[in-house]
């Protein structure tokens, strides 16, 4: 599967080939728990779900159009209407201008939203 790796340490955006499945994504990103962020109707961004909780925090990045800071590496893939992860539609060359590397700035995690269903 084709994907785009955002490497926050090297500050690079590159096209990569991955095996299908979560374990390959964990390895590429360098994490144990991932989170999916929908970028548009054909692309999503996979990031370390616990990135802001690591001490020290990893370097961070932003992606154009999103007012959110992502901690650690990211992986852009494609997805189908059924939600299946597939090869990226875009290339690193297309995505690279949208990535802003922020380095080691500290970002406080936002507290969870707690919803109670009981009366």
PDB file of N, CA and C in Angstrom:
ATOM      1  N   UNK A   1       0.848  -1.170   0.000  1.00  0.00           N
ATOM      2  CA  UNK A   1       0.000   0.000   0.000  1.00  0.00           C
ATOM      3  C   UNK A   1       0.895   1.236   0.000  1.00  0.00           C
ATOM      4  N   UNK A   2       0.552   2.204  -0.806  1.00  0.00           N
ATOM      5  CA  UNK A   2       1.285   3.471  -0.854  1.00  0.00           C
ATOM      6  C   UNK A   2       0.760   4.398   0.241  1.00  0.00           C
ATOM      7  N   UNK A   3       1.690   5.079   0.901  1.00  0.00           N
ATOM      8  CA  UNK A   3       1.325   6.030   1.954  1.00  0.00           C
ATOM      9  C   UNK A   3       2.332   7.169   1.935  1.00  0.00           C
ATOM     10  N   UNK A   4       2.042   8.195   2.713  1.00  0.00           N
ATOM     11  CA  UNK A   4       2.940   9.344   2.840  1.00  0.00           C
ATOM     12  C   UNK A   4       3.340   9.446   4.301  1.00  0.00           C
ATOM     13  N   UNK A   5       4.642   9.372   4.562  1.00  0.00           N
ATOM     14  CA  UNK A   5       5.152   9.431   5.923  1.00  0.00           C
ATOM     15  C   UNK A   5       5.625  10.846   6.234  1.00  0.00           C
ATOM     16  N   UNK A   6       5.099  11.400   7.325  1.00  0.00           N
ATOM     17  CA  UNK A   6       5.546  12.688   7.841  1.00  0.00           C
ATOM     18  C   UNK A   6       6.470  12.376   9.013  1.00  0.00           C
ATOM     19  N   UNK A   7       7.768  12.603   8.833  1.00  0.00           N
ATOM     20  CA  UNK A   7       8.779  12.284   9.845  1.00  0.00           C
ATOM     21  C   UNK A   7       9.164  13.572  10.558  1.00  0.00           C
ATOM     22  N   UNK A   8       8.757  13.706  11.823  1.00  0.00           N
ATOM     23  CA  UNK A   8       8.973  14.955  12.552  1.00  0.00           C
ATOM     24  C   UNK A   8      10.414  15.148  13.006  1.00  0.00           C
ATOM     25  N   UNK A   9      11.164  14.076  13.140  1.00  0.00           N
ATOM     26  CA  UNK A   9      12.562  14.196  13.543  1.00  0.00           C
ATOM     27  C   UNK A   9      13.422  14.651  12.372  1.00  0.00           C
ATOM     28  N   UNK A  10      13.267  13.995  11.228  1.00  0.00           N
ATOM     29  CA  UNK A  10      14.022  14.360  10.028  1.00  0.00           C
ATOM     30  C   UNK A  10      13.404  15.564   9.314  1.00  0.00           C
ATOM     31  N   UNK A  11      12.175  15.916   9.690  1.00  0.00           N
ATOM     32  CA  UNK A  11      11.394  16.985   9.052  1.00  0.00           C
ATOM     33  C   UNK A  11      11.295  16.752   7.547  1.00  0.00           C
ATOM     34  N   UNK A  12      10.837  15.529   7.206  1.00  0.00           N
ATOM     35  CA  UNK A  12      10.664  15.144   5.810  1.00  0.00           C
ATOM     36  C   UNK A  12       9.254  14.612   5.577  1.00  0.00           C
ATOM     37  N   UNK A  13       8.820  14.690   4.345  1.00  0.00           N
ATOM     38  CA  UNK A  13       7.552  14.129   3.900  1.00  0.00           C
ATOM     39  C   UNK A  13       7.889  13.245   2.704  1.00  0.00           C
ATOM     40  N   UNK A  14       7.698  11.924   2.839  1.00  0.00           N
ATOM     41  CA  UNK A  14       8.130  10.992   1.800  1.00  0.00           C
ATOM     42  C   UNK A  14       7.059   9.965   1.464  1.00  0.00           C
ATOM     43  N   UNK A  15       7.094   9.502   0.230  1.00  0.00           N
ATOM     44  CA  UNK A  15       6.240   8.399  -0.202  1.00  0.00           C
ATOM     45  C   UNK A  15       6.854   7.102   0.318  1.00  0.00           C
ATOM     46  N   UNK A  16       6.028   6.218   0.882  1.00  0.00           N
ATOM     47  CA  UNK A  16       6.507   4.943   1.397  1.00  0.00           C
ATOM     48  C   UNK A  16       5.571   3.828   0.947  1.00  0.00           C
ATOM     49  N   UNK A  17       6.098   2.608   0.929  1.00  0.00           N
ATOM     50  CA  UNK A  17       5.294   1.407   0.679  1.00  0.00           C
ATOM     51  C   UNK A  17       5.107   0.694   2.002  1.00  0.00           C
ATOM     52  N   UNK A  18       3.867   0.377   2.341  1.00  0.00           N
ATOM     53  CA  UNK A  18       3.545  -0.311   3.592  1.00  0.00           C
ATOM     54  C   UNK A  18       2.776  -1.585   3.305  1.00  0.00           C
ATOM     55  N   UNK A  19       2.947  -2.560   4.172  1.00  0.00           N
ATOM     56  CA  UNK A  19       2.050  -3.706   4.152  1.00  0.00           C
ATOM     57  C   UNK A  19       0.715  -3.224   4.714  1.00  0.00           C
ATOM     58  N   UNK A  20      -0.353  -3.856   4.317  1.00  0.00           N
ATOM     59  CA  UNK A  20      -1.664  -3.499   4.857  1.00  0.00           C
ATOM     60  C   UNK A  20      -1.742  -3.934   6.317  1.00  0.00           C
ATOM     61  N   UNK A  21      -2.478  -3.198   7.116  1.00  0.00           N
ATOM     62  CA  UNK A  21      -2.708  -3.588   8.503  1.00  0.00           C
ATOM     63  C   UNK A  21      -2.156  -2.609   9.510  1.00  0.00           C
ATOM     64  N   UNK A  22      -2.728  -2.678  10.704  1.00  0.00           N
ATOM     65  CA  UNK A  22      -2.354  -1.745  11.769  1.00  0.00           C
ATOM     66  C   UNK A  22      -0.918  -1.918  12.240  1.00  0.00           C
ATOM     67  N   UNK A  23      -0.409  -3.139  12.284  1.00  0.00           N
ATOM     68  CA  UNK A  23       0.951  -3.334  12.796  1.00  0.00           C
ATOM     69  C   UNK A  23       1.976  -2.620  11.927  1.00  0.00           C
ATOM     70  N   UNK A  24       1.776  -2.589  10.618  1.00  0.00           N
ATOM     71  CA  UNK A  24       2.680  -1.852   9.728  1.00  0.00           C
ATOM     72  C   UNK A  24       2.568  -0.349   9.963  1.00  0.00           C
ATOM     73  N   UNK A  25       1.361   0.120  10.266  1.00  0.00           N
ATOM     74  CA  UNK A  25       1.163   1.541  10.549  1.00  0.00           C
ATOM     75  C   UNK A  25       1.825   1.921  11.867  1.00  0.00           C
ATOM     76  N   UNK A  26       1.668   1.072  12.902  1.00  0.00           N
ATOM     77  CA  UNK A  26       2.333   1.327  14.187  1.00  0.00           C
ATOM     78  C   UNK A  26       3.840   1.463  13.984  1.00  0.00           C
ATOM     79  N   UNK A  27       4.392   0.538  13.220  1.00  0.00           N
ATOM     80  CA  UNK A  27       5.843   0.533  12.989  1.00  0.00           C
ATOM     81  C   UNK A  27       6.277   1.782  12.229  1.00  0.00           C
ATOM     82  N   UNK A  28       5.543   2.157  11.203  1.00  0.00           N
ATOM     83  CA  UNK A  28       5.904   3.335  10.396  1.00  0.00           C
ATOM     84  C   UNK A  28       5.842   4.620  11.218  1.00  0.00           C
ATOM     85  N   UNK A  29       4.826   4.734  12.060  1.00  0.00           N
ATOM     86  CA  UNK A  29       4.648   5.937  12.872  1.00  0.00           C
ATOM     87  C   UNK A  29       5.545   5.890  14.109  1.00  0.00           C
ATOM     88  N   UNK A  30       5.796   4.691  14.610  1.00  0.00           N
ATOM     89  CA  UNK A  30       6.604   4.541  15.820  1.00  0.00           C
ATOM     90  C   UNK A  30       5.784   4.704  17.081  1.00  0.00           C
ATOM     91  N   UNK A  31       4.634   4.026  17.128  1.00  0.00           N
ATOM     92  CA  UNK A  31       3.753   4.167  18.281  1.00  0.00           C
ATOM     93  C   UNK A  31       3.052   2.855  18.578  1.00  0.00           C
ATOM     94  N   UNK A  32       2.235   2.855  19.643  1.00  0.00           N
ATOM     95  CA  UNK A  32       1.490   1.660  20.038  1.00  0.00           C
ATOM     96  C   UNK A  32      -0.024   1.849  19.972  1.00  0.00           C
ATOM     97  N   UNK A  33      -0.449   3.078  19.731  1.00  0.00           N
ATOM     98  CA  UNK A  33      -1.877   3.373  19.655  1.00  0.00           C
ATOM     99  C   UNK A  33      -2.066   4.497  18.643  1.00  0.00           C
ATOM    100  N   UNK A  34      -2.928   4.278  17.653  1.00  0.00           N
ATOM    101  CA  UNK A  34      -3.078   5.300  16.617  1.00  0.00           C
ATOM    102  C   UNK A  34      -4.492   5.859  16.578  1.00  0.00           C
ATOM    103  N   UNK A  35      -4.579   7.022  15.971  1.00  0.00           N
ATOM    104  CA  UNK A  35      -5.842   7.715  15.825  1.00  0.00           C
ATOM    105  C   UNK A  35      -5.967   8.175  14.380  1.00  0.00           C
ATOM    106  N   UNK A  36      -7.164   8.100  13.843  1.00  0.00           N
ATOM    107  CA  UNK A  36      -7.434   8.503  12.457  1.00  0.00           C
ATOM    108  C   UNK A  36      -8.071   9.889  12.438  1.00  0.00           C
ATOM    109  N   UNK A  37      -7.532  10.761  11.573  1.00  0.00           N
ATOM    110  CA  UNK A  37      -8.075  12.094  11.365  1.00  0.00           C
ATOM    111  C   UNK A  37      -8.444  12.196   9.889  1.00  0.00           C
ATOM    112  N   UNK A  38      -9.720  12.410   9.600  1.00  0.00           N
ATOM    113  CA  UNK A  38     -10.155  12.532   8.207  1.00  0.00           C
ATOM    114  C   UNK A  38      -9.721  13.892   7.669  1.00  0.00           C
ATOM    115  N   UNK A  39      -8.966  13.879   6.571  1.00  0.00           N
ATOM    116  CA  UNK A  39      -8.490  15.129   5.968  1.00  0.00           C
ATOM    117  C   UNK A  39      -9.463  15.651   4.919  1.00  0.00           C
ATOM    118  N   UNK A  40      -9.966  14.765   4.090  1.00  0.00           N
ATOM    119  CA  UNK A  40     -10.944  15.134   3.066  1.00  0.00           C
ATOM    120  C   UNK A  40     -11.690  13.866   2.652  1.00  0.00           C
ATOM    121  N   UNK A  41     -12.357  13.892   1.520  1.00  0.00           N
ATOM    122  CA  UNK A  41     -13.191  12.756   1.121  1.00  0.00           C
ATOM    123  C   UNK A  41     -12.403  11.547   0.630  1.00  0.00           C
ATOM    124  N   UNK A  42     -11.079  11.656   0.492  1.00  0.00           N
ATOM    125  CA  UNK A  42     -10.282  10.531  -0.002  1.00  0.00           C
ATOM    126  C   UNK A  42      -9.014  10.257   0.802  1.00  0.00           C
ATOM    127  N   UNK A  43      -8.695  11.109   1.776  1.00  0.00           N
ATOM    128  CA  UNK A  43      -7.439  10.955   2.509  1.00  0.00           C
ATOM    129  C   UNK A  43      -7.640  11.111   4.006  1.00  0.00           C
ATOM    130  N   UNK A  44      -6.892  10.321   4.762  1.00  0.00           N
ATOM    131  CA  UNK A  44      -6.889  10.471   6.206  1.00  0.00           C
ATOM    132  C   UNK A  44      -5.463  10.459   6.729  1.00  0.00           C
ATOM    133  N   UNK A  45      -5.306  10.987   7.918  1.00  0.00           N
ATOM    134  CA  UNK A  45      -4.016  11.099   8.589  1.00  0.00           C
ATOM    135  C   UNK A  45      -4.056  10.206   9.819  1.00  0.00           C
ATOM    136  N   UNK A  46      -3.050   9.354   9.958  1.00  0.00           N
ATOM    137  CA  UNK A  46      -2.925   8.489  11.125  1.00  0.00           C
ATOM    138  C   UNK A  46      -1.791   9.018  11.979  1.00  0.00           C
ATOM    139  N   UNK A  47      -2.052   9.199  13.276  1.00  0.00           N
ATOM    140  CA  UNK A  47      -1.058   9.757  14.195  1.00  0.00           C
ATOM    141  C   UNK A  47      -1.060   8.961  15.498  1.00  0.00           C
ATOM    142  N   UNK A  48      -0.018   9.188  16.295  1.00  0.00           N
ATOM    143  CA  UNK A  48       0.104   8.571  17.610  1.00  0.00           C
ATOM    144  C   UNK A  48      -0.995   9.128  18.509  1.00  0.00           C
ATOM    145  N   UNK A  49      -1.886   8.265  18.948  1.00  0.00           N
ATOM    146  CA  UNK A  49      -3.006   8.681  19.790  1.00  0.00           C
ATOM    147  C   UNK A  49      -2.539   9.204  21.146  1.00  0.00           C
ATOM    148  N   UNK A  50      -1.338   8.803  21.555  1.00  0.00           N
ATOM    149  CA  UNK A  50      -0.813   9.207  22.857  1.00  0.00           C
ATOM    150  C   UNK A  50       0.346  10.193  22.728  1.00  0.00           C
ATOM    151  N   UNK A  51       0.503  10.804  21.552  1.00  0.00           N
ATOM    152  CA  UNK A  51       1.652  11.664  21.283  1.00  0.00           C
ATOM    153  C   UNK A  51       1.890  12.762  22.298  1.00  0.00           C
ATOM    154  N   UNK A  52       0.836  13.436  22.723  1.00  0.00           N
ATOM    155  CA  UNK A  52       0.998  14.532  23.683  1.00  0.00           C
ATOM    156  C   UNK A  52       1.219  14.040  25.110  1.00  0.00           C
ATOM    157  N   UNK A  53       1.017  12.761  25.348  1.00  0.00           N
ATOM    158  CA  UNK A  53       1.173  12.213  26.693  1.00  0.00           C
ATOM    159  C   UNK A  53       2.592  11.727  26.968  1.00  0.00           C
ATOM    160  N   UNK A  54       3.401  11.550  25.919  1.00  0.00           N
ATOM    161  CA  UNK A  54       4.779  11.088  26.101  1.00  0.00           C
ATOM    162  C   UNK A  54       5.603  12.158  26.809  1.00  0.00           C
ATOM    163  N   UNK A  55       6.530  11.715  27.657  1.00  0.00           N
ATOM    164  CA  UNK A  55       7.459  12.627  28.312  1.00  0.00           C
ATOM    165  C   UNK A  55       8.863  12.175  28.014  1.00  0.00           C
ATOM    166  N   UNK A  56       9.694  12.923  27.338  1.00  0.00           N
ATOM    167  CA  UNK A  56       9.339  14.210  26.744  1.00  0.00           C
ATOM    168  C   UNK A  56       8.449  14.013  25.512  1.00  0.00           C
ATOM    169  N   UNK A  57       7.708  15.048  25.173  1.00  0.00           N
ATOM    170  CA  UNK A  57       6.862  14.987  23.992  1.00  0.00           C
ATOM    171  C   UNK A  57       7.735  14.935  22.739  1.00  0.00           C
ATOM    172  N   UNK A  58       7.281  14.210  21.710  1.00  0.00           N
ATOM    173  CA  UNK A  58       8.020  14.195  20.451  1.00  0.00           C
ATOM    174  C   UNK A  58       7.833  15.519  19.704  1.00  0.00           C
ATOM    175  N   UNK A  59       8.657  15.776  18.688  1.00  0.00           N
ATOM    176  CA  UNK A  59       8.434  16.963  17.857  1.00  0.00           C
ATOM    177  C   UNK A  59       7.027  16.927  17.252  1.00  0.00           C
ATOM    178  N   UNK A  60       6.573  18.082  16.825  1.00  0.00           N
ATOM    179  CA  UNK A  60       5.196  18.210  16.352  1.00  0.00           C
ATOM    180  C   UNK A  60       5.111  18.801  14.944  1.00  0.00           C
ATOM    181  N   UNK A  61       3.903  18.697  14.373  1.00  0.00           N
ATOM    182  CA  UNK A  61       3.646  19.295  13.067  1.00  0.00           C
ATOM    183  C   UNK A  61       2.186  19.715  12.979  1.00  0.00           C
ATOM    184  N   UNK A  62       1.930  20.564  12.032  1.00  0.00           N
ATOM    185  CA  UNK A  62       0.564  20.952  11.657  1.00  0.00           C
ATOM    186  C   UNK A  62       0.404  20.679  10.173  1.00  0.00           C
ATOM    187  N   UNK A  63      -0.825  20.494   9.781  1.00  0.00           N
ATOM    188  CA  UNK A  63      -1.126  20.296   8.363  1.00  0.00           C
ATOM    189  C   UNK A  63      -2.115  21.373   7.959  1.00  0.00           C
ATOM    190  N   UNK A  64      -1.872  21.994   6.812  1.00  0.00           N
ATOM    191  CA  UNK A  64      -2.676  23.116   6.337  1.00  0.00           C
ATOM    192  C   UNK A  64      -4.168  22.853   6.412  1.00  0.00           C
ATOM    193  N   UNK A  65      -4.893  23.852   6.889  1.00  0.00           N
ATOM    194  CA  UNK A  65      -6.342  23.751   6.968  1.00  0.00           C
ATOM    195  C   UNK A  65      -6.851  23.207   8.295  1.00  0.00           C
ATOM    196  N   UNK A  66      -5.958  22.769   9.174  1.00  0.00           N
ATOM    197  CA  UNK A  66      -6.360  22.209  10.462  1.00  0.00           C
ATOM    198  C   UNK A  66      -5.723  22.989  11.587  1.00  0.00           C
ATOM    199  N   UNK A  67      -6.527  23.423  12.532  1.00  0.00           N
ATOM    200  CA  UNK A  67      -6.036  24.172  13.675  1.00  0.00           C
ATOM    201  C   UNK A  67      -5.763  23.200  14.823  1.00  0.00           C
ATOM    202  N   UNK A  68      -4.877  22.258  14.561  1.00  0.00           N
ATOM    203  CA  UNK A  68      -4.549  21.261  15.556  1.00  0.00           C
ATOM    204  C   UNK A  68      -3.084  20.894  15.405  1.00  0.00           C
ATOM    205  N   UNK A  69      -2.409  20.675  16.518  1.00  0.00           N
ATOM    206  CA  UNK A  69      -1.006  20.290  16.513  1.00  0.00           C
ATOM    207  C   UNK A  69      -0.917  18.790  16.755  1.00  0.00           C
ATOM    208  N   UNK A  70      -0.197  18.086  15.877  1.00  0.00           N
ATOM    209  CA  UNK A  70      -0.019  16.647  15.993  1.00  0.00           C
ATOM    210  C   UNK A  70       1.368  16.353  16.535  1.00  0.00           C
ATOM    211  N   UNK A  71       1.456  15.452  17.520  1.00  0.00           N
ATOM    212  CA  UNK A  71       2.725  15.099  18.149  1.00  0.00           C
ATOM    213  C   UNK A  71       3.224  13.767  17.596  1.00  0.00           C
ATOM    214  N   UNK A  72       4.442  13.765  17.105  1.00  0.00           N
ATOM    215  CA  UNK A  72       5.029  12.550  16.550  1.00  0.00           C
ATOM    216  C   UNK A  72       4.788  12.449  15.055  1.00  0.00           C
ATOM    217  N   UNK A  73       5.199  11.323  14.503  1.00  0.00           N
ATOM    218  CA  UNK A  73       5.095  11.101  13.064  1.00  0.00           C
ATOM    219  C   UNK A  73       3.651  10.935  12.632  1.00  0.00           C
ATOM    220  N   UNK A  74       3.406  11.154  11.350  1.00  0.00           N
ATOM    221  CA  UNK A  74       2.082  10.973  10.784  1.00  0.00           C
ATOM    222  C   UNK A  74       2.157  10.150   9.518  1.00  0.00           C
ATOM    223  N   UNK A  75       1.049   9.563   9.153  1.00  0.00           N
ATOM    224  CA  UNK A  75       0.973   8.730   7.963  1.00  0.00           C
ATOM    225  C   UNK A  75      -0.320   9.068   7.229  1.00  0.00           C
ATOM    226  N   UNK A  76      -0.212   9.488   5.991  1.00  0.00           N
ATOM    227  CA  UNK A  76      -1.394   9.808   5.194  1.00  0.00           C
ATOM    228  C   UNK A  76      -1.677   8.638   4.255  1.00  0.00           C
ATOM    229  N   UNK A  77      -2.926   8.161   4.312  1.00  0.00           N
ATOM    230  CA  UNK A  77      -3.379   7.062   3.466  1.00  0.00           C
ATOM    231  C   UNK A  77      -4.668   7.483   2.782  1.00  0.00           C
ATOM    232  N   UNK A  78      -5.142   6.643   1.901  1.00  0.00           N
ATOM    233  CA  UNK A  78      -6.452   6.851   1.302  1.00  0.00           C
ATOM    234  C   UNK A  78      -7.477   5.999   2.030  1.00  0.00           C
ATOM    235  N   UNK A  79      -8.742   6.213   1.732  1.00  0.00           N
ATOM    236  CA  UNK A  79      -9.782   5.350   2.282  1.00  0.00           C
ATOM    237  C   UNK A  79     -10.959   5.299   1.325  1.00  0.00           C
ATOM    238  N   UNK A  80     -11.712   4.206   1.427  1.00  0.00           N
ATOM    239  CA  UNK A  80     -12.861   3.994   0.556  1.00  0.00           C
ATOM    240  C   UNK A  80     -14.130   4.516   1.224  1.00  0.00           C
ATOM    241  N   UNK A  81     -15.219   4.524   0.478  1.00  0.00           N
ATOM    242  CA  UNK A  81     -16.508   4.951   1.010  1.00  0.00           C
ATOM    243  C   UNK A  81     -16.952   4.057   2.169  1.00  0.00           C
ATOM    244  N   UNK A  82     -16.466   2.828   2.189  1.00  0.00           N
ATOM    245  CA  UNK A  82     -16.800   1.904   3.275  1.00  0.00           C
ATOM    246  C   UNK A  82     -15.877   2.073   4.471  1.00  0.00           C
ATOM    247  N   UNK A  83     -14.892   2.962   4.364  1.00  0.00           N
ATOM    248  CA  UNK A  83     -13.984   3.221   5.469  1.00  0.00           C
ATOM    249  C   UNK A  83     -12.733   2.365   5.492  1.00  0.00           C
ATOM    250  N   UNK A  84     -12.481   1.598   4.442  1.00  0.00           N
ATOM    251  CA  UNK A  84     -11.284   0.762   4.380  1.00  0.00           C
ATOM    252  C   UNK A  84     -10.072   1.603   4.001  1.00  0.00           C
ATOM    253  N   UNK A  85      -8.955   1.373   4.679  1.00  0.00           N
ATOM    254  CA  UNK A  85      -7.722   2.083   4.379  1.00  0.00           C
ATOM    255  C   UNK A  85      -7.102   1.495   3.121  1.00  0.00           C
ATOM    256  N   UNK A  86      -6.737   2.385   2.183  1.00  0.00           N
ATOM    257  CA  UNK A  86      -6.135   1.984   0.910  1.00  0.00           C
ATOM    258  C   UNK A  86      -4.957   2.914   0.610  1.00  0.00           C
ATOM    259  N   UNK A  87      -4.322   2.688  -0.522  1.00  0.00           N
ATOM    260  CA  UNK A  87      -3.184   3.519  -0.917  1.00  0.00           C
ATOM    261  C   UNK A  87      -3.561   4.994  -0.987  1.00  0.00           C
ATOM    262  N   UNK A  88      -2.585   5.826  -0.659  1.00  0.00           N
ATOM    263  CA  UNK A  88      -2.781   7.278  -0.702  1.00  0.00           C
ATOM    264  C   UNK A  88      -3.072   7.730  -2.129  1.00  0.00           C
ATOM    265  N   UNK A  89      -3.984   8.665  -2.248  1.00  0.00           N
ATOM    266  CA  UNK A  89      -4.327   9.248  -3.539  1.00  0.00           C
ATOM    267  C   UNK A  89      -3.322  10.341  -3.900  1.00  0.00           C
ATOM    268  N   UNK A  90      -2.798  11.005  -2.877  1.00  0.00           N
ATOM    269  CA  UNK A  90      -1.857  12.097  -3.077  1.00  0.00           C
ATOM    270  C   UNK A  90      -0.420  11.575  -3.021  1.00  0.00           C
ATOM    271  N   UNK A  91       0.526  12.433  -3.362  1.00  0.00           N
ATOM    272  CA  UNK A  91       1.943  12.104  -3.258  1.00  0.00           C
ATOM    273  C   UNK A  91       2.590  13.015  -2.217  1.00  0.00           C
ATOM    274  N   UNK A  92       3.771  12.636  -1.778  1.00  0.00           N
ATOM    275  CA  UNK A  92       4.509  13.471  -0.823  1.00  0.00           C
ATOM    276  C   UNK A  92       4.776  14.848  -1.416  1.00  0.00           C
ATOM    277  N   UNK A  93       5.027  14.904  -2.708  1.00  0.00           N
ATOM    278  CA  UNK A  93       5.288  16.183  -3.379  1.00  0.00           C
ATOM    279  C   UNK A  93       4.078  17.114  -3.263  1.00  0.00           C
ATOM    280  N   UNK A  94       2.870  16.571  -3.334  1.00  0.00           N
ATOM    281  CA  UNK A  94       1.654  17.382  -3.217  1.00  0.00           C
ATOM    282  C   UNK A  94       1.382  17.801  -1.774  1.00  0.00           C
ATOM    283  N   UNK A  95       1.692  16.938  -0.827  1.00  0.00           N
ATOM    284  CA  UNK A  95       1.380  17.177   0.582  1.00  0.00           C
ATOM    285  C   UNK A  95       2.432  18.038   1.277  1.00  0.00           C
ATOM    286  N   UNK A  96       3.671  17.908   0.880  1.00  0.00           N
ATOM    287  CA  UNK A  96       4.783  18.575   1.569  1.00  0.00           C
ATOM    288  C   UNK A  96       4.565  20.070   1.815  1.00  0.00           C
ATOM    289  N   UNK A  97       4.050  20.845   0.853  1.00  0.00           N
ATOM    290  CA  UNK A  97       3.850  22.272   1.120  1.00  0.00           C
ATOM    291  C   UNK A  97       2.802  22.569   2.201  1.00  0.00           C
ATOM    292  N   UNK A  98       1.983  21.585   2.544  1.00  0.00           N
ATOM    293  CA  UNK A  98       0.937  21.774   3.547  1.00  0.00           C
ATOM    294  C   UNK A  98       1.412  21.480   4.970  1.00  0.00           C
ATOM    295  N   UNK A  99       2.618  20.918   5.105  1.00  0.00           N
ATOM    296  CA  UNK A  99       3.125  20.505   6.401  1.00  0.00           C
ATOM    297  C   UNK A  99       4.005  21.593   7.001  1.00  0.00           C
ATOM    298  N   UNK A 100       3.717  21.946   8.259  1.00  0.00           N
ATOM    299  CA  UNK A 100       4.539  22.891   9.002  1.00  0.00           C
ATOM    300  C   UNK A 100       5.133  22.150  10.196  1.00  0.00           C
ATOM    301  N   UNK A 101       6.454  21.991  10.190  1.00  0.00           N
ATOM    302  CA  UNK A 101       7.131  21.334  11.300  1.00  0.00           C
ATOM    303  C   UNK A 101       7.334  22.345  12.423  1.00  0.00           C
ATOM    304  N   UNK A 102       6.988  21.955  13.650  1.00  0.00           N
ATOM    305  CA  UNK A 102       7.019  22.862  14.791  1.00  0.00           C
ATOM    306  C   UNK A 102       8.144  22.563  15.769  1.00  0.00           C
ATOM    307  N   UNK A 103       8.832  21.456  15.587  1.00  0.00           N
ATOM    308  CA  UNK A 103       9.916  21.103  16.497  1.00  0.00           C
ATOM    309  C   UNK A 103       9.399  20.656  17.847  1.00  0.00           C
ATOM    310  N   UNK A 104      10.156  21.003  18.895  1.00  0.00           N
ATOM    311  CA  UNK A 104       9.887  20.499  20.242  1.00  0.00           C
ATOM    312  C   UNK A 104       9.023  21.420  21.103  1.00  0.00           C
ATOM    313  N   UNK A 105       8.170  22.223  20.520  1.00  0.00           N
ATOM    314  CA  UNK A 105       7.288  23.058  21.328  1.00  0.00           C
ATOM    315  C   UNK A 105       6.425  22.160  22.209  1.00  0.00           C
ATOM    316  N   UNK A 106       6.141  22.615  23.423  1.00  0.00           N
ATOM    317  CA  UNK A 106       5.309  21.828  24.331  1.00  0.00           C
ATOM    318  C   UNK A 106       3.842  22.205  24.120  1.00  0.00           C
ATOM    319  N   UNK A 107       2.987  21.204  24.056  1.00  0.00           N
ATOM    320  CA  UNK A 107       1.550  21.416  23.914  1.00  0.00           C
ATOM    321  C   UNK A 107       0.864  20.633  25.019  1.00  0.00           C
ATOM    322  N   UNK A 108       0.033  21.300  25.797  1.00  0.00           N
ATOM    323  CA  UNK A 108      -0.719  20.623  26.858  1.00  0.00           C
ATOM    324  C   UNK A 108      -1.869  19.830  26.232  1.00  0.00           C
ATOM    325  N   UNK A 109      -2.009  18.569  26.628  1.00  0.00           N
ATOM    326  CA  UNK A 109      -3.152  17.793  26.142  1.00  0.00           C
ATOM    327  C   UNK A 109      -4.456  18.401  26.651  1.00  0.00           C
ATOM    328  N   UNK A 110      -5.481  18.343  25.843  1.00  0.00           N
ATOM    329  CA  UNK A 110      -6.787  18.825  26.270  1.00  0.00           C
ATOM    330  C   UNK A 110      -7.440  17.747  27.136  1.00  0.00           C
ATOM    331  N   UNK A 111      -8.129  18.147  28.208  1.00  0.00           N
ATOM    332  CA  UNK A 111      -8.780  17.152  29.058  1.00  0.00           C
ATOM    333  C   UNK A 111      -9.903  16.455  28.272  1.00  0.00           C
ATOM    334  N   UNK A 112     -10.174  15.210  28.633  1.00  0.00           N
ATOM    335  CA  UNK A 112     -11.241  14.486  27.923  1.00  0.00           C
ATOM    336  C   UNK A 112     -12.613  15.092  28.221  1.00  0.00           C
ATOM    337  N   UNK A 113     -13.498  14.928  27.301  1.00  0.00           N
ATOM    338  CA  UNK A 113     -14.895  15.334  27.498  1.00  0.00           C
ATOM    339  C   UNK A 113     -15.619  14.143  28.105  1.00  0.00           C
ATOM    340  N   UNK A 114     -16.220  14.339  29.270  1.00  0.00           N
ATOM    341  CA  UNK A 114     -16.907  13.246  29.946  1.00  0.00           C
ATOM    342  C   UNK A 114     -18.402  13.426  29.777  1.00  0.00           C
ATOM    343  N   UNK A 115     -19.017  12.389  29.241  1.00  0.00           N
ATOM    344  CA  UNK A 115     -20.467  12.403  29.017  1.00  0.00           C
ATOM    345  C   UNK A 115     -21.085  11.370  29.941  1.00  0.00           C
ATOM    346  N   UNK A 116     -22.075  11.775  30.690  1.00  0.00           N
ATOM    347  CA  UNK A 116     -22.752  10.852  31.580  1.00  0.00           C
ATOM    348  C   UNK A 116     -24.132  10.538  31.023  1.00  0.00           C
ATOM    349  N   UNK A 117     -24.429   9.270  30.907  1.00  0.00           N
ATOM    350  CA  UNK A 117     -25.733   8.849  30.380  1.00  0.00           C
ATOM    351  C   UNK A 117     -26.748   8.609  31.505  1.00  0.00           C
ATOM    352  N   UNK A 118     -26.287   8.646  32.736  1.00  0.00           N
ATOM    353  CA  UNK A 118     -27.205   8.391  33.844  1.00  0.00           C
ATOM    354  C   UNK A 118     -27.886   9.693  34.282  1.00  0.00           C
ATOM    355  N   UNK A 119     -29.011   9.559  34.942  1.00  0.00           N
ATOM    356  CA  UNK A 119     -29.753  10.725  35.407  1.00  0.00           C
ATOM    357  C   UNK A 119     -29.381  11.066  36.818  1.00  0.00           C
TER     358      UNK A 119
END
